[in-house]
Each structure stands twice: as C-alpha cells, then as structure tokens.
Amino acid sequence: MDKKIDLTEGGIVEKLVKIAIPIMATSFIQIAYNLIDMMWVGKNGSNSVAAVGTAGFYPWLAMAFVMFSKIGGEVKVAQSMGEKNTKEVKSYIKSSIELNVFLSITYTLVLILFNKQLIDIFNLGDLEVITMSRQYLVILAIGMIFYFINPVLTSIFIGLGNSSIPFRINTIGLIANIILDPLLIFGFGPIDALGTNGAGIATITAQIIVTCVFVGYIIKNKIEYFKVKYFRNIELEYFKTLYKLGLPVAIQNALFTLISMAMGVIVASFGPVAVAVQKVGSQIESISWMSADGFASALSTFTGQNYGAYKFDRINKGSKIGLIGALIWGSITTLVLVFLGDIIFRAFINEPDAIIKGVDYLKILGYSQLFMCIEITITGILKGLGRTYIPSVTSIVLNLARIPMAIVLSKPDILGINGIWWSISISSIFKGIILLSIFVILNKSKKLYKSNNKNNLGVKDELCS
C-alpha cells in the first residue's frame, strides 16, 4: 500500500510527525465542514443557527455508535500491523465495516421515524425553529450511512499507517461542501434558496462524495487488506473484540452527547440567542480539541503498532513527545480564545448581543484548553494500548457533574448563562488533572502495558523508563 508508514522503526519524532500532520489536517477539514456550515447558516440569523445546532446533536450522538467500529479500525488494525498478521488485519477491517453498516441503517430508521419526538425534547418554543430542525434532521438521516462509514474508513487507513489518503479524500469532500453551501442555502440562478435544508443537502452530498472516492481508491489500487467477502461468514469473535474495545468509548460518547443535550435544554431556557452562541462558540473551540484529537489519533496508531511489536520503550518516548506537544498547543489555544474572542466571534454572527455572550463563552472555555489537550493526548496513548475504559470512566463521571454544576451556577443571582460555560470549563480542567495523575501512577507502578491482546497473553508486562 503506498505511503504506508511502519511506526515500529526509525526516528520517533519523524514518524509521529509524518503520520500526525495528515491526521491533524483531516481534523481541520472536519472543523472546516462545521465552521463553513455555521458561517453560512449564521447569515440567516440566530433562528437558523439554533435549528441546525439542535438537530446537529443527533449526528453527534451517532458517533457513539460509530465508535464500535472506528476503535477497532484504528486500534486493532494498528496492533495487527505491528504483529505483521495480515489475516487479523483483514478480519478486523471486514468486521468493522460490517458492524458499521448494520448500526447506520438502524440509526437512520430511528431518526426518520421519531424525528418529531427527538426535536421536541428541547422544548424550543419557537415553531419556525422546530420546523427547520425537524426538516434538517430528516435530510441528515437520509445520508447517515455515509456519515457512519467515512470515519471508519479514515481510521482503517490510519491504522494501516497511511494517513495521507484520508486527508486527500476528505479534502475533496470539504471542497464540495464549500461550493454547495452558499449555492443551496441562498440560491443561485435557477437554484432556489433552501435555507437550512440547503445546508443539510450540502453536507450529505459531500459525505457521499467522500465515500465514493474512498471506494474508488480502494478498487483502483487493488488494496489487498480490503479484499474480503463482506457480509458472508460473519466472524462473531471479531465483533466481540470490537464490542469490548468500543463499548467504553461508545458509552462515553453517547453520554457526552446526552449530557450536552441536557445542557442544551438549560441553554435554551435563555432563548435562541444563547443557543446560537453555544453552537457557534463550540464550533470555534473545536479547532483546539479536534486538532489535539488528530494528534492523539496519530499517537494511538503509533502506540498500537509498537504495542503489537512489543516495543514498549518507543511507546514511552512517544508518550513524552505527545505530552510536550499537548502543553504547547494547549497554551497557544488558551491565549487565542481568551484574548482574541471578539475578533473571532464577529466572523460568524453580526448580532451585538450574541457577540457579547460569545466572547464570554470563548474566554471561559479558553481557561481549560491546556488541561483538555492533556486529557485528549493521554486518551490517545491509552487507546492504542487497548485501555479504553480508563479515560472513558473519568470522562463520564466528570461530564455528568456538568449538569448539576450548570443548574446551580446559571441561577440569575449567581453567574447566569456564564455559569453553564464555567461548568464545562471546570470539569475539563479536572479531567486533565485526574487523567494525567492516573497515567503517571500507572507508569511508575509498571502497570501501563498490562496486556489486553489475546495474542500477547503470556508476554511479560514490561515498562521501559
């Protein structure tokens, strides 16, 4: 396979940079998707942003189900590559894709059949916003299978050691989205203005294009690892492994989304402007955490391949490099959000009240960026080792704490709406501190590399300082 990188040999920094840059660039593409949608939709006013943001919780929730197959594609493929076990690589790719398709079809049916009930949860109180939200959700549901499969194909390629192809293919989707968004939202020539529906159609069209290019690339290059008979002789053993690895992350993602939805209900009580501020602000902040997540994904692949090859010393050195990178990036994003919030937010919404609230949002969330980047980096390392439950439990507990904190702090006589943003920031700070402490304790107690891989049974646990 062209440009496949063997992460078990050679300079660690060089190898990490080679695989991390395309992954981080791919993350920026995903950020750009969301930001471009929000920029164009924002020109229609706060109601449009609130509608898209509300319906957008459900594609976000979909990522919980995607994680079952995505984690397998990213971790087990990487570990199998480190072991030089082609059969295992093929089986995990086959099972990841099969499981992904089954889950996507199920989720699509739920969104279409229960779209009214799903939007009613938020008690939006504005008929126009409710109608736009329902229509937008149905449009996204129609293309949900492509929304499911693209992250999995991306993670499989990354697990194989090829991060440049997902970047190129996802870039094609971004270009399509950039072109289609203004044309379909505002209309052009014979094309009618479709508003928020246009944003939804642009998004799923771009996702369809990405899937088609992925499939075309695999067929054209005759990639051996994908040459399996899909949906024949289902290998339940691999499904079980995907389930065990993916379940903690899936629960974490599902609960995170549900918690965010609960927080969204609290935010909605402050009106459509507050909802718009949260949606736009979270998209801006995503530049920080998705960039960190992109590097963590590279670190996870690096860790997985070296774990499969039993090269624990390389994992230890790579972890130190990753944490240094997290400290640098977290510091930069903190400074940007705290001191440049006004300039940034004005690019998305023109309403003065929204800008004032948006600047407060970015400043408050800015204080937690360093700790969040540390959390994400350590999560990537532990994921590569197959220890997905550790960061998941930490995240679940502290994310749940956001709800009571938000309820208390957002009371008018305390902090008002800013109390909601502080509940998010405070919990992120504690997640970073706690996860770093756990990582250091496991490292010092020589329990960091405890085997979770059936192929590593009997291999002596080892820690190289």
Protein backbone atom coordinates (compact mmCIF):
# COMPACT_ATOMS: atom_id res chain seq x y z
CA MET A 1 0.00 0.00 0.00
CA ASP A 2 1.54 3.31 -1.00
CA LYS A 3 2.86 5.66 1.66
CA LYS A 4 2.22 3.17 4.44
CA ILE A 5 4.37 4.10 7.43
CA ASP A 6 5.94 1.47 9.70
CA LEU A 7 5.87 3.18 13.08
CA THR A 8 7.86 0.45 14.83
CA GLU A 9 11.18 1.50 13.29
CA GLY A 10 13.14 4.74 12.78
CA GLY A 11 13.09 8.13 14.45
CA ILE A 12 10.09 8.58 16.72
CA VAL A 13 9.61 12.31 16.18
CA GLU A 14 9.97 11.93 12.41
CA LYS A 15 7.48 9.07 12.23
CA LEU A 16 4.97 10.77 14.52
CA VAL A 17 5.14 13.98 12.51
CA LYS A 18 4.70 12.13 9.20
CA ILE A 19 1.54 10.38 10.32
CA ALA A 20 0.23 13.18 12.56
CA ILE A 21 0.26 16.03 10.04
CA PRO A 22 -2.24 14.42 7.61
CA ILE A 23 -4.44 13.27 10.53
CA MET A 24 -4.49 16.73 12.05
CA ALA A 25 -5.14 18.21 8.62
CA THR A 26 -8.07 15.80 8.28
CA SER A 27 -9.35 17.03 11.65
CA PHE A 28 -9.09 20.61 10.40
CA ILE A 29 -11.17 19.56 7.41
CA GLN A 30 -13.89 18.29 9.72
CA ILE A 31 -13.68 21.56 11.65
CA ALA A 32 -13.93 23.45 8.37
CA TYR A 33 -17.06 21.47 7.41
CA ASN A 34 -18.77 22.59 10.61
CA LEU A 35 -17.46 26.15 10.60
CA ILE A 36 -18.40 26.77 6.97
CA ASP A 37 -21.90 25.44 7.58
CA MET A 38 -22.21 27.64 10.66
CA MET A 39 -20.84 30.73 8.90
CA TRP A 40 -23.33 30.49 6.04
CA VAL A 41 -26.26 29.44 8.23
CA GLY A 42 -25.37 32.24 10.66
CA LYS A 43 -26.05 34.78 7.91
CA ASN A 44 -29.70 33.68 8.11
CA GLY A 45 -29.87 34.70 11.79
CA SER A 46 -29.97 33.10 15.22
CA ASN A 47 -33.08 31.00 14.48
CA SER A 48 -31.33 29.16 11.65
CA VAL A 49 -28.27 28.55 13.80
CA ALA A 50 -30.46 27.28 16.64
CA ALA A 51 -32.30 24.91 14.26
CA VAL A 52 -29.15 23.45 12.75
CA GLY A 53 -27.46 23.28 16.16
CA THR A 54 -30.39 21.47 17.76
CA ALA A 55 -30.75 18.85 15.02
CA GLY A 56 -26.97 18.57 14.97
CA PHE A 57 -26.98 16.86 18.34
CA TYR A 58 -28.15 13.63 16.65
CA PRO A 59 -25.32 13.22 14.13
CA TRP A 60 -23.10 13.92 17.13
CA LEU A 61 -24.86 11.15 19.06
CA ALA A 62 -24.31 8.88 16.05
CA MET A 63 -20.57 8.99 16.76
CA ALA A 64 -21.21 6.86 19.84
CA PHE A 65 -22.33 4.02 17.56
CA VAL A 66 -19.59 4.73 15.04
CA MET A 67 -17.05 4.18 17.82
CA PHE A 68 -17.74 0.44 17.97
CA SER A 69 -16.26 0.01 14.50
CA LYS A 70 -13.97 3.05 14.46
CA ILE A 71 -11.97 1.97 17.51
CA GLY A 72 -11.49 -1.48 16.01
CA GLY A 73 -10.37 0.06 12.74
CA GLU A 74 -7.90 2.32 14.47
CA VAL A 75 -6.57 0.19 17.33
CA LYS A 76 -6.83 -3.47 16.31
CA VAL A 77 -5.72 -2.85 12.73
CA ALA A 78 -2.69 -0.95 14.06
CA GLN A 79 -1.84 -3.68 16.57
CA SER A 80 -2.25 -6.40 13.92
CA MET A 81 0.00 -4.44 11.56
CA GLY A 82 2.62 -4.28 14.33
CA GLU A 83 2.35 -8.07 14.65
CA LYS A 84 2.66 -8.46 10.84
CA ASN A 85 -0.56 -10.50 10.93
CA THR A 86 -2.30 -9.91 7.58
CA LYS A 87 -5.20 -12.28 8.36
CA GLU A 88 -6.07 -10.37 11.52
CA VAL A 89 -5.84 -7.04 9.67
CA LYS A 90 -8.31 -8.24 7.03
CA SER A 91 -10.69 -9.70 9.61
CA TYR A 92 -10.81 -6.52 11.66
CA ILE A 93 -11.37 -4.39 8.56
CA LYS A 94 -14.17 -6.70 7.39
CA SER A 95 -15.87 -6.81 10.79
CA SER A 96 -15.53 -3.04 11.33
CA ILE A 97 -17.25 -2.24 8.04
CA GLU A 98 -19.99 -4.83 8.53
CA LEU A 99 -20.81 -3.66 12.05
CA ASN A 100 -20.76 -0.06 10.90
CA VAL A 101 -23.31 -0.67 8.15
CA PHE A 102 -25.68 -2.57 10.47
CA LEU A 103 -25.61 0.22 13.05
CA SER A 104 -26.01 3.01 10.48
CA ILE A 105 -29.16 1.50 8.99
CA THR A 106 -30.71 1.08 12.45
CA TYR A 107 -29.86 4.64 13.46
CA THR A 108 -31.22 6.06 10.21
CA LEU A 109 -34.61 4.43 10.79
CA VAL A 110 -34.79 5.83 14.32
CA LEU A 111 -34.05 9.40 13.15
CA ILE A 112 -36.66 9.28 10.40
CA LEU A 113 -39.44 7.58 12.37
CA PHE A 114 -39.02 9.60 15.57
CA ASN A 115 -37.75 12.98 14.34
CA LYS A 116 -40.65 14.88 15.93
CA GLN A 117 -40.12 13.37 19.36
CA LEU A 118 -36.35 13.84 19.13
CA ILE A 119 -36.67 17.59 18.44
CA ASP A 120 -39.48 18.07 20.98
CA ILE A 121 -37.05 17.06 23.73
CA PHE A 122 -35.50 20.53 23.61
CA ASN A 123 -38.73 22.49 24.21
CA LEU A 124 -37.56 25.15 21.78
CA GLY A 125 -40.82 27.07 22.00
CA ASP A 126 -40.46 28.58 18.53
CA LEU A 127 -42.48 26.93 15.75
CA GLU A 128 -40.18 28.16 12.99
CA VAL A 129 -37.08 26.77 14.72
CA ILE A 130 -38.84 23.47 15.46
CA THR A 131 -39.94 23.04 11.83
CA MET A 132 -36.49 23.84 10.46
CA SER A 133 -34.87 21.45 12.97
CA ARG A 134 -37.13 18.54 12.00
CA GLN A 135 -36.60 19.03 8.29
CA TYR A 136 -32.83 19.35 8.72
CA LEU A 137 -32.73 16.17 10.83
CA VAL A 138 -34.58 14.09 8.21
CA ILE A 139 -32.22 15.30 5.48
CA LEU A 140 -29.19 14.28 7.54
CA ALA A 141 -30.78 10.92 8.34
CA ILE A 142 -31.06 10.08 4.65
CA GLY A 143 -27.28 10.35 4.29
CA MET A 144 -26.44 8.84 7.68
CA ILE A 145 -24.85 5.66 6.29
CA PHE A 146 -22.17 7.81 4.63
CA TYR A 147 -21.72 9.82 7.82
CA PHE A 148 -21.09 6.49 9.60
CA ILE A 149 -18.73 4.85 7.11
CA ASN A 150 -16.32 7.72 6.37
CA PRO A 151 -14.78 7.96 9.87
CA VAL A 152 -14.31 4.19 9.90
CA LEU A 153 -12.59 4.11 6.51
CA THR A 154 -10.43 7.01 7.68
CA SER A 155 -9.44 5.18 10.87
CA ILE A 156 -8.69 1.95 8.98
CA PHE A 157 -6.28 3.74 6.65
CA ILE A 158 -4.65 5.43 9.66
CA GLY A 159 -4.34 2.07 11.43
CA LEU A 160 -2.60 0.73 8.34
CA GLY A 161 -0.10 3.56 8.64
CA ASN A 162 -1.43 5.66 5.76
CA SER A 163 -2.80 8.98 6.95
CA SER A 164 -2.27 10.99 3.77
CA ILE A 165 -5.01 9.33 1.70
CA PRO A 166 -7.84 10.06 4.20
CA PHE A 167 -6.65 13.67 4.27
CA ARG A 168 -6.77 13.99 0.48
CA ILE A 169 -10.14 12.30 0.17
CA ASN A 170 -11.74 14.30 2.97
CA THR A 171 -10.35 17.46 1.37
CA ILE A 172 -12.35 16.65 -1.76
CA GLY A 173 -15.47 16.46 0.41
CA LEU A 174 -14.66 19.80 2.02
CA ILE A 175 -14.27 21.49 -1.37
CA ALA A 176 -17.64 20.09 -2.43
CA ASN A 177 -19.21 21.40 0.77
CA ILE A 178 -17.65 24.86 0.32
CA ILE A 179 -19.12 25.10 -3.16
CA LEU A 180 -22.54 23.67 -2.33
CA ASP A 181 -23.25 25.51 0.95
CA PRO A 182 -23.83 29.05 -0.39
CA LEU A 183 -25.46 27.78 -3.59
CA LEU A 184 -28.06 25.69 -1.77
CA ILE A 185 -28.59 27.92 1.28
CA PHE A 186 -29.05 31.21 -0.58
CA GLY A 187 -29.77 30.01 -4.12
CA PHE A 188 -28.12 30.98 -7.37
CA GLY A 189 -29.67 31.40 -10.82
CA PRO A 190 -32.10 28.51 -11.33
CA ILE A 191 -31.25 27.06 -7.90
CA ASP A 192 -33.83 28.07 -5.28
CA ALA A 193 -32.74 29.25 -1.83
CA LEU A 194 -33.24 26.30 0.53
CA GLY A 195 -32.01 27.84 3.79
CA THR A 196 -31.14 25.32 6.50
CA ASN A 197 -32.33 22.47 4.26
CA GLY A 198 -29.70 23.53 1.76
CA ALA A 199 -27.01 23.21 4.42
CA GLY A 200 -28.19 19.68 5.16
CA ILE A 201 -28.22 18.67 1.50
CA ALA A 202 -24.74 20.14 1.00
CA THR A 203 -23.42 18.17 3.98
CA ILE A 204 -24.74 14.76 2.95
CA THR A 205 -23.75 15.31 -0.69
CA ALA A 206 -20.18 15.98 0.43
CA GLN A 207 -20.25 12.84 2.60
CA ILE A 208 -21.48 10.75 -0.34
CA ILE A 209 -18.65 12.08 -2.50
CA VAL A 210 -16.09 11.15 0.17
CA THR A 211 -17.40 7.58 0.41
CA CYS A 212 -17.36 7.17 -3.36
CA VAL A 213 -13.77 8.42 -3.62
CA PHE A 214 -12.66 6.07 -0.81
CA VAL A 215 -14.23 3.09 -2.57
CA GLY A 216 -12.83 4.17 -5.92
CA TYR A 217 -9.33 4.49 -4.46
CA ILE A 218 -9.50 1.04 -2.85
CA ILE A 219 -10.69 -0.59 -6.09
CA LYS A 220 -8.26 1.27 -8.35
CA ASN A 221 -5.23 0.46 -6.20
CA LYS A 222 -6.35 -3.12 -5.50
CA ILE A 223 -5.55 -2.79 -1.81
CA GLU A 224 -5.05 -6.30 -0.50
CA TYR A 225 -6.32 -5.67 3.03
CA PHE A 226 -9.82 -4.84 1.75
CA LYS A 227 -10.08 -7.99 -0.40
CA VAL A 228 -12.55 -9.90 1.73
CA LYS A 229 -16.11 -11.16 1.25
CA TYR A 230 -18.24 -8.70 3.18
CA PHE A 231 -21.46 -9.85 4.88
CA ARG A 232 -20.52 -13.50 4.35
CA ASN A 233 -19.37 -15.77 7.15
CA ILE A 234 -19.80 -13.15 9.86
CA GLU A 235 -16.92 -13.57 12.33
CA LEU A 236 -18.56 -13.07 15.72
CA GLU A 237 -15.23 -13.40 17.51
CA TYR A 238 -14.06 -10.14 15.92
CA PHE A 239 -17.40 -8.46 16.56
CA LYS A 240 -16.95 -9.37 20.22
CA THR A 241 -13.48 -7.82 20.29
CA LEU A 242 -14.78 -4.66 18.62
CA TYR A 243 -17.58 -4.55 21.15
CA LYS A 244 -15.22 -4.87 24.13
CA LEU A 245 -12.87 -2.20 22.84
CA GLY A 246 -15.54 0.15 21.56
CA LEU A 247 -18.11 -0.12 24.37
CA PRO A 248 -16.38 2.21 26.89
CA VAL A 249 -15.76 4.84 24.21
CA ALA A 250 -19.27 4.41 22.78
CA ILE A 251 -20.83 4.88 26.22
CA GLN A 252 -18.60 7.87 26.82
CA ASN A 253 -19.60 9.47 23.52
CA ALA A 254 -23.29 8.68 23.96
CA LEU A 255 -23.39 10.07 27.48
CA PHE A 256 -21.35 13.09 26.44
CA THR A 257 -23.90 13.87 23.74
CA LEU A 258 -26.86 13.23 26.04
CA ILE A 259 -25.25 15.42 28.69
CA SER A 260 -24.67 18.10 26.05
CA MET A 261 -28.32 17.80 25.06
CA ALA A 262 -29.33 18.27 28.69
CA MET A 263 -27.04 21.28 28.83
CA GLY A 264 -28.66 22.44 25.59
CA VAL A 265 -32.05 22.39 27.27
CA ILE A 266 -30.64 24.58 30.06
CA VAL A 267 -29.11 26.93 27.49
CA ALA A 268 -32.38 27.05 25.52
CA SER A 269 -34.12 28.47 28.59
CA PHE A 270 -32.09 31.64 27.97
CA GLY A 271 -33.53 31.99 24.41
CA PRO A 272 -32.46 31.41 20.77
CA VAL A 273 -29.52 33.83 21.02
CA ALA A 274 -27.99 31.77 23.82
CA VAL A 275 -28.45 28.58 21.76
CA ALA A 276 -26.77 30.24 18.78
CA VAL A 277 -23.86 31.39 20.98
CA GLN A 278 -23.32 27.86 22.26
CA LYS A 279 -23.40 26.35 18.76
CA VAL A 280 -21.07 28.89 17.19
CA GLY A 281 -18.78 29.01 20.23
CA SER A 282 -18.44 25.24 20.39
CA GLN A 283 -17.53 25.13 16.69
CA ILE A 284 -14.81 27.73 17.22
CA GLU A 285 -13.48 25.89 20.28
CA SER A 286 -13.46 22.65 18.28
CA ILE A 287 -10.37 23.95 16.47
CA SER A 288 -8.49 23.32 19.70
CA TRP A 289 -9.82 19.92 20.72
CA MET A 290 -10.12 18.40 17.25
CA SER A 291 -6.52 19.36 16.49
CA ALA A 292 -5.43 17.73 19.74
CA ASP A 293 -7.62 14.73 18.91
CA GLY A 294 -5.97 14.44 15.50
CA PHE A 295 -2.51 14.26 17.07
CA ALA A 296 -3.84 11.84 19.70
CA SER A 297 -5.13 9.61 16.90
CA ALA A 298 -1.64 9.53 15.38
CA LEU A 299 -0.20 8.76 18.82
CA SER A 300 -2.78 5.99 19.23
CA THR A 301 -1.72 4.37 15.94
CA PHE A 302 1.95 4.76 16.90
CA THR A 303 1.25 3.17 20.29
CA GLY A 304 -0.85 0.38 18.77
CA GLN A 305 1.75 -0.68 16.21
CA ASN A 306 4.57 -0.65 18.78
CA TYR A 307 2.40 -2.45 21.31
CA GLY A 308 1.78 -5.18 18.75
CA ALA A 309 5.55 -5.34 18.14
CA TYR A 310 6.29 -5.33 21.93
CA LYS A 311 8.41 -2.16 21.60
CA PHE A 312 7.43 -0.53 24.87
CA ASP A 313 10.44 1.79 25.02
CA ARG A 314 9.27 3.50 21.81
CA ILE A 315 5.80 3.93 23.32
CA ASN A 316 7.30 5.55 26.41
CA LYS A 317 9.36 8.01 24.36
CA GLY A 318 6.44 8.75 22.01
CA SER A 319 4.21 9.47 25.01
CA LYS A 320 6.64 12.08 26.34
CA ILE A 321 6.78 13.76 22.94
CA GLY A 322 2.98 13.76 22.76
CA LEU A 323 2.58 15.37 26.17
CA ILE A 324 5.07 18.10 25.30
CA GLY A 325 3.05 18.80 22.14
CA ALA A 326 -0.16 18.96 24.21
CA LEU A 327 1.38 21.51 26.56
CA ILE A 328 2.45 23.74 23.67
CA TRP A 329 -0.83 23.53 21.73
CA GLY A 330 -2.98 23.90 24.83
CA SER A 331 -1.12 27.06 25.84
CA ILE A 332 -1.50 28.58 22.38
CA THR A 333 -5.24 27.91 22.15
CA THR A 334 -5.80 29.27 25.65
CA LEU A 335 -4.17 32.58 24.70
CA VAL A 336 -6.13 32.81 21.43
CA LEU A 337 -9.57 32.13 22.95
CA VAL A 338 -9.02 34.35 25.99
CA PHE A 339 -7.61 37.40 24.20
CA LEU A 340 -8.95 37.22 20.61
CA GLY A 341 -12.53 36.07 21.21
CA ASP A 342 -14.16 39.28 19.97
CA ILE A 343 -12.38 39.24 16.61
CA ILE A 344 -13.09 35.55 16.07
CA PHE A 345 -16.79 35.58 17.02
CA ARG A 346 -17.64 38.54 14.78
CA ALA A 347 -16.81 36.40 11.73
CA PHE A 348 -19.83 34.20 12.45
CA ILE A 349 -22.67 36.32 13.87
CA ASN A 350 -23.45 40.02 13.42
CA GLU A 351 -25.91 40.47 16.29
CA PRO A 352 -24.35 42.61 19.13
CA ASP A 353 -25.96 40.67 21.97
CA ALA A 354 -24.72 37.37 20.56
CA ILE A 355 -21.20 38.75 20.13
CA ILE A 356 -21.03 39.89 23.78
CA LYS A 357 -22.22 36.49 25.04
CA GLY A 358 -19.96 34.70 22.56
CA VAL A 359 -16.83 36.48 23.75
CA ASP A 360 -17.63 35.43 27.33
CA TYR A 361 -18.09 31.83 26.14
CA LEU A 362 -14.70 31.69 24.41
CA LYS A 363 -12.86 33.34 27.31
CA ILE A 364 -14.31 30.99 29.93
CA LEU A 365 -13.69 27.87 27.82
CA GLY A 366 -10.25 29.18 26.97
CA TYR A 367 -9.04 28.69 30.53
CA SER A 368 -9.50 24.91 30.23
CA GLN A 369 -7.79 24.30 26.89
CA LEU A 370 -4.41 23.24 28.27
CA PHE A 371 -5.97 20.61 30.53
CA MET A 372 -8.28 19.41 27.77
CA CYS A 373 -5.33 18.87 25.40
CA ILE A 374 -3.52 16.84 28.06
CA GLU A 375 -6.65 14.71 28.59
CA ILE A 376 -7.05 14.04 24.87
CA THR A 377 -3.37 13.15 24.40
CA ILE A 378 -3.35 10.63 27.25
CA THR A 379 -6.61 9.17 25.96
CA GLY A 380 -4.90 8.54 22.60
CA ILE A 381 -1.99 6.73 24.26
CA LEU A 382 -4.26 4.53 26.37
CA LYS A 383 -6.48 3.80 23.38
CA GLY A 384 -3.50 2.45 21.44
CA LEU A 385 -2.79 0.13 24.37
CA GLY A 386 -6.39 -1.10 24.34
CA ARG A 387 -7.07 0.57 27.72
CA THR A 388 -10.15 2.44 26.53
CA TYR A 389 -12.08 2.12 29.80
CA ILE A 390 -9.74 4.34 31.86
CA PRO A 391 -10.32 7.66 30.05
CA SER A 392 -13.95 6.71 29.41
CA VAL A 393 -14.81 6.30 33.10
CA THR A 394 -13.01 9.52 34.00
CA SER A 395 -14.79 11.43 31.26
CA ILE A 396 -18.23 10.01 32.06
CA VAL A 397 -18.08 10.91 35.75
CA LEU A 398 -16.88 14.47 35.26
CA ASN A 399 -19.15 15.15 32.27
CA LEU A 400 -22.14 14.09 34.37
CA ALA A 401 -21.05 16.60 37.01
CA ARG A 402 -21.61 19.38 34.46
CA ILE A 403 -25.39 19.17 34.74
CA PRO A 404 -25.79 19.92 38.48
CA MET A 405 -22.98 22.49 38.27
CA ALA A 406 -24.71 24.22 35.35
CA ILE A 407 -28.09 24.26 37.12
CA VAL A 408 -26.60 25.84 40.23
CA LEU A 409 -24.13 28.25 38.62
CA SER A 410 -26.57 29.51 35.97
CA LYS A 411 -29.05 30.87 38.50
CA PRO A 412 -29.65 34.61 37.94
CA ASP A 413 -28.26 35.55 41.36
CA ILE A 414 -25.02 33.64 40.73
CA LEU A 415 -23.47 33.69 37.22
CA GLY A 416 -26.44 33.47 34.84
CA ILE A 417 -25.70 31.92 31.47
CA ASN A 418 -21.94 32.15 32.09
CA GLY A 419 -22.41 29.60 34.85
CA ILE A 420 -23.13 27.00 32.16
CA TRP A 421 -19.84 27.75 30.41
CA TRP A 422 -17.97 27.60 33.72
CA SER A 423 -19.41 24.15 34.49
CA ILE A 424 -17.91 22.90 31.21
CA SER A 425 -14.56 24.57 31.78
CA ILE A 426 -14.17 23.39 35.38
CA SER A 427 -14.97 19.77 34.51
CA SER A 428 -12.43 19.85 31.64
CA ILE A 429 -9.73 21.13 33.99
CA PHE A 430 -10.38 18.29 36.44
CA LYS A 431 -10.44 15.67 33.66
CA GLY A 432 -6.98 16.73 32.53
CA ILE A 433 -5.55 16.72 36.05
CA ILE A 434 -7.07 13.36 37.02
CA LEU A 435 -6.16 11.54 33.81
CA LEU A 436 -2.58 12.83 33.95
CA SER A 437 -2.34 11.62 37.56
CA ILE A 438 -3.64 8.15 36.62
CA PHE A 439 -1.19 7.95 33.72
CA VAL A 440 1.77 8.86 35.93
CA ILE A 441 0.72 6.34 38.63
CA LEU A 442 0.33 3.51 36.07
CA ASN A 443 3.68 4.38 34.59
CA LYS A 444 5.51 4.37 37.91
CA SER A 445 3.78 1.18 39.11
CA LYS A 446 4.79 -0.67 35.90
CA LYS A 447 1.15 -1.41 35.01
CA LEU A 448 0.88 0.77 31.92
CA TYR A 449 1.47 -2.05 29.44
CA LYS A 450 -0.71 -4.69 31.02
CA SER A 451 -1.73 -6.93 28.11
CA ASN A 452 -5.26 -6.68 26.73
CA ASN A 453 -4.48 -8.51 23.49
CA LYS A 454 -5.19 -12.22 23.22
CA ASN A 455 -2.09 -12.56 21.05
CA ASN A 456 0.03 -11.04 23.83
CA LEU A 457 -1.11 -13.47 26.54
CA GLY A 458 1.92 -14.87 28.30
CA VAL A 459 4.09 -11.93 27.31
CA LYS A 460 5.70 -10.42 30.38
CA ASP A 461 4.34 -6.96 31.24
CA GLU A 462 7.13 -4.52 30.71
CA LEU A 463 7.80 -0.88 31.38
CA CYS A 464 10.82 0.84 29.91
CA SER A 465 11.72 4.09 31.58
